[in-house]
Amino acid sequence: MRKQLRYSFDELVDENKKELENDPALMMEVEDRVEQRQAERIHEKKADKEH
């Protein structure tokens, strides 16, 4: 038998958003990771166009 979830997905997302809003250092870490991933994707697209 499956264990019941205590929270819905939306509730967990809202909880995570609140945690990020209250922790500027964590927010910066997330933003840095997003920027890094975007830079990697741009680099990959440029490499694909060159071939």
C-alpha atoms as a PDB file:
ATOM      1  CA  MET A   1       0.000   0.000   0.000  1.00  0.00           C
ATOM      2  CA  ARG A   2       1.264   3.446  -0.925  1.00  0.00           C
ATOM      3  CA  LYS A   3       2.070   6.024   1.711  1.00  0.00           C
ATOM      4  CA  GLN A   4      -0.163   9.086   1.517  1.00  0.00           C
ATOM      5  CA  LEU A   5       1.505  12.355   0.660  1.00  0.00           C
ATOM      6  CA  ARG A   6       1.278  14.988   3.346  1.00  0.00           C
ATOM      7  CA  TYR A   7       1.505  17.900   0.953  1.00  0.00           C
ATOM      8  CA  SER A   8       0.410  18.500  -2.582  1.00  0.00           C
ATOM      9  CA  PHE A   9       3.025  19.405  -5.173  1.00  0.00           C
ATOM     10  CA  ASP A  10       1.733  22.995  -5.267  1.00  0.00           C
ATOM     11  CA  GLU A  11       2.098  23.305  -1.504  1.00  0.00           C
ATOM     12  CA  LEU A  12       5.701  22.083  -1.691  1.00  0.00           C
ATOM     13  CA  VAL A  13       6.466  24.563  -4.480  1.00  0.00           C
ATOM     14  CA  ASP A  14       4.980  27.415  -2.446  1.00  0.00           C
ATOM     15  CA  GLU A  15       6.997  26.355   0.602  1.00  0.00           C
ATOM     16  CA  ASN A  16      10.205  26.307  -1.458  1.00  0.00           C
ATOM     17  CA  LYS A  17       9.452  29.752  -2.899  1.00  0.00           C
ATOM     18  CA  LYS A  18       8.987  31.189   0.578  1.00  0.00           C
ATOM     19  CA  GLU A  19      12.257  29.631   1.716  1.00  0.00           C
ATOM     20  CA  LEU A  20      14.078  31.177  -1.249  1.00  0.00           C
ATOM     21  CA  GLU A  21      12.534  34.585  -0.638  1.00  0.00           C
ATOM     22  CA  ASN A  22      13.734  34.515   2.965  1.00  0.00           C
ATOM     23  CA  ASP A  23      17.302  33.391   2.175  1.00  0.00           C
ATOM     24  CA  PRO A  24      19.168  35.751  -0.198  1.00  0.00           C
ATOM     25  CA  ALA A  25      22.296  33.554  -0.236  1.00  0.00           C
ATOM     26  CA  LEU A  26      20.273  30.536  -1.362  1.00  0.00           C
ATOM     27  CA  MET A  27      18.526  32.653  -3.988  1.00  0.00           C
ATOM     28  CA  MET A  28      21.898  33.779  -5.383  1.00  0.00           C
ATOM     29  CA  GLU A  29      23.083  30.160  -5.519  1.00  0.00           C
ATOM     30  CA  VAL A  30      20.020  29.136  -7.527  1.00  0.00           C
ATOM     31  CA  GLU A  31      20.392  32.135  -9.858  1.00  0.00           C
ATOM     32  CA  ASP A  32      24.069  31.293 -10.421  1.00  0.00           C
ATOM     33  CA  ARG A  33      23.194  27.703 -11.340  1.00  0.00           C
ATOM     34  CA  VAL A  34      20.509  28.890 -13.777  1.00  0.00           C
ATOM     35  CA  GLU A  35      22.915  31.353 -15.409  1.00  0.00           C
ATOM     36  CA  GLN A  36      25.588  28.646 -15.706  1.00  0.00           C
ATOM     37  CA  ARG A  37      23.168  26.259 -17.399  1.00  0.00           C
ATOM     38  CA  GLN A  38      22.046  28.985 -19.812  1.00  0.00           C
ATOM     39  CA  ALA A  39      25.670  29.778 -20.679  1.00  0.00           C
ATOM     40  CA  GLU A  40      26.373  26.077 -21.303  1.00  0.00           C
ATOM     41  CA  ARG A  41      23.361  25.785 -23.615  1.00  0.00           C
ATOM     42  CA  ILE A  42      24.416  28.869 -25.574  1.00  0.00           C
ATOM     43  CA  HIS A  43      27.928  27.460 -25.907  1.00  0.00           C
ATOM     44  CA  GLU A  44      26.526  24.106 -27.114  1.00  0.00           C
ATOM     45  CA  LYS A  45      24.335  25.816 -29.723  1.00  0.00           C
ATOM     46  CA  LYS A  46      27.300  27.797 -31.044  1.00  0.00           C
ATOM     47  CA  ALA A  47      29.387  24.618 -31.250  1.00  0.00           C
ATOM     48  CA  ASP A  48      26.584  22.856 -33.164  1.00  0.00           C
ATOM     49  CA  LYS A  49      26.326  25.697 -35.682  1.00  0.00           C
ATOM     50  CA  GLU A  50      30.077  25.563 -36.344  1.00  0.00           C
ATOM     51  CA  HIS A  51      29.910  21.904 -37.401  1.00  0.00           C
END
